[in-house]
Protein backbone atom coordinates (compact mmCIF):
# COMPACT_ATOMS: atom_id res chain seq x y z
CA UNK A 1 -76.44 39.92 -26.08
CA UNK A 2 -73.80 42.59 -25.36
CA UNK A 3 -70.43 41.35 -24.03
CA UNK A 4 -68.90 44.36 -22.29
CA UNK A 5 -66.37 42.36 -20.28
CA UNK A 6 -65.23 38.73 -20.42
CA UNK A 7 -64.96 38.74 -16.61
CA UNK A 8 -68.70 39.24 -16.23
CA UNK A 9 -69.80 36.18 -18.23
CA UNK A 10 -71.76 33.32 -16.72
CA UNK A 11 -71.01 29.72 -17.71
CA UNK A 12 -73.90 29.73 -20.19
CA UNK A 13 -72.70 33.05 -21.64
CA UNK A 14 -69.18 31.59 -22.05
CA UNK A 15 -70.64 28.71 -24.05
CA UNK A 16 -72.49 31.21 -26.22
CA UNK A 17 -69.27 33.17 -26.70
CA UNK A 18 -67.70 30.14 -28.41
CA UNK A 19 -69.50 31.18 -31.57
CA UNK A 20 -67.84 34.63 -31.54
CA UNK A 21 -64.50 35.34 -33.17
CA UNK A 22 -62.17 37.95 -31.69
CA UNK A 23 -58.95 39.57 -32.87
CA UNK A 24 -55.85 38.98 -30.76
CA UNK A 25 -52.07 39.06 -30.78
CA UNK A 26 -49.75 36.25 -29.63
CA UNK A 27 -48.03 37.35 -26.42
CA UNK A 28 -45.80 34.33 -25.73
CA UNK A 29 -45.29 30.85 -27.17
CA UNK A 30 -43.28 27.99 -25.67
CA UNK A 31 -42.39 25.81 -28.68
CA UNK A 32 -41.05 22.96 -26.51
CA UNK A 33 -44.24 22.86 -24.42
CA UNK A 34 -46.58 23.62 -27.32
CA UNK A 35 -48.55 26.31 -25.49
CA UNK A 36 -48.70 30.04 -25.18
CA UNK A 37 -50.78 33.07 -24.35
CA UNK A 38 -52.39 35.72 -26.48
CA UNK A 39 -53.86 39.11 -25.69
CA UNK A 40 -57.33 39.90 -27.02
CA UNK A 41 -57.36 43.25 -28.81
CA UNK A 42 -60.60 44.70 -27.45
CA UNK A 43 -60.55 43.38 -23.88
CA UNK A 44 -56.75 43.15 -23.55
CA UNK A 45 -57.29 39.87 -21.73
CA UNK A 46 -54.51 37.26 -21.56
CA UNK A 47 -55.83 33.91 -22.82
CA UNK A 48 -54.14 30.47 -22.90
CA UNK A 49 -53.83 28.45 -26.10
CA UNK A 50 -52.36 25.10 -27.17
CA UNK A 51 -50.55 24.62 -30.49
CA UNK A 52 -53.09 22.01 -31.63
CA UNK A 53 -55.60 24.87 -31.99
CA UNK A 54 -53.57 26.60 -34.75
CA UNK A 55 -55.72 26.25 -37.88
CA UNK A 56 -52.88 25.72 -40.38
CA UNK A 57 -51.64 22.75 -38.28
CA UNK A 58 -48.10 24.23 -38.18
CA UNK A 59 -47.94 23.90 -34.36
CA UNK A 60 -45.71 26.97 -34.30
CA UNK A 61 -46.51 30.67 -34.05
CA UNK A 62 -44.39 33.74 -33.38
CA UNK A 63 -44.99 36.26 -30.57
CA UNK A 64 -46.52 39.40 -32.06
CA UNK A 65 -48.48 37.46 -34.70
CA UNK A 66 -51.99 38.86 -35.16
CA UNK A 67 -54.73 36.22 -35.17
CA UNK A 68 -58.46 35.63 -35.13
CA UNK A 69 -59.62 33.13 -32.49
CA UNK A 70 -62.69 31.73 -30.84
CA UNK A 71 -62.72 32.11 -27.05
CA UNK A 72 -64.13 29.02 -25.33
CA UNK A 73 -64.38 27.66 -21.78
CA UNK A 74 -61.32 25.49 -21.08
CA UNK A 75 -61.06 22.26 -19.12
CA UNK A 76 -60.08 24.14 -15.95
CA UNK A 77 -63.00 26.57 -16.29
CA UNK A 78 -60.83 29.45 -17.51
CA UNK A 79 -61.28 30.83 -21.00
CA UNK A 80 -58.90 29.63 -23.72
CA UNK A 81 -58.37 30.20 -27.44
CA UNK A 82 -59.62 27.78 -30.07
CA UNK A 83 -59.40 27.73 -33.89
CA UNK A 84 -56.45 30.14 -34.16
CA UNK A 85 -56.17 31.67 -37.64
CA UNK A 86 -53.02 33.65 -38.47
CA UNK A 87 -53.58 36.99 -40.18
CA UNK A 88 -51.38 37.71 -43.16
CA UNK A 89 -51.00 41.40 -43.88
């Protein structure tokens, strides 16, 4: 299956996408609220994430940090990031 655009995915395709890992960069992070947004590198799509999804359990991440994430359907039906792994260069 070829995913040309995240906007064109059906619900079943979004579930399938959960098994795919994408590269992204943290755009913003609200430490007090524990949430933020990242930008996927290929699609340049802004995606929500919660600090509980950070793999190292640090619950903190800096804007600009490069990461690998799984993109999954969120509770509201929008896509969100899961299993966020920080890249160390």
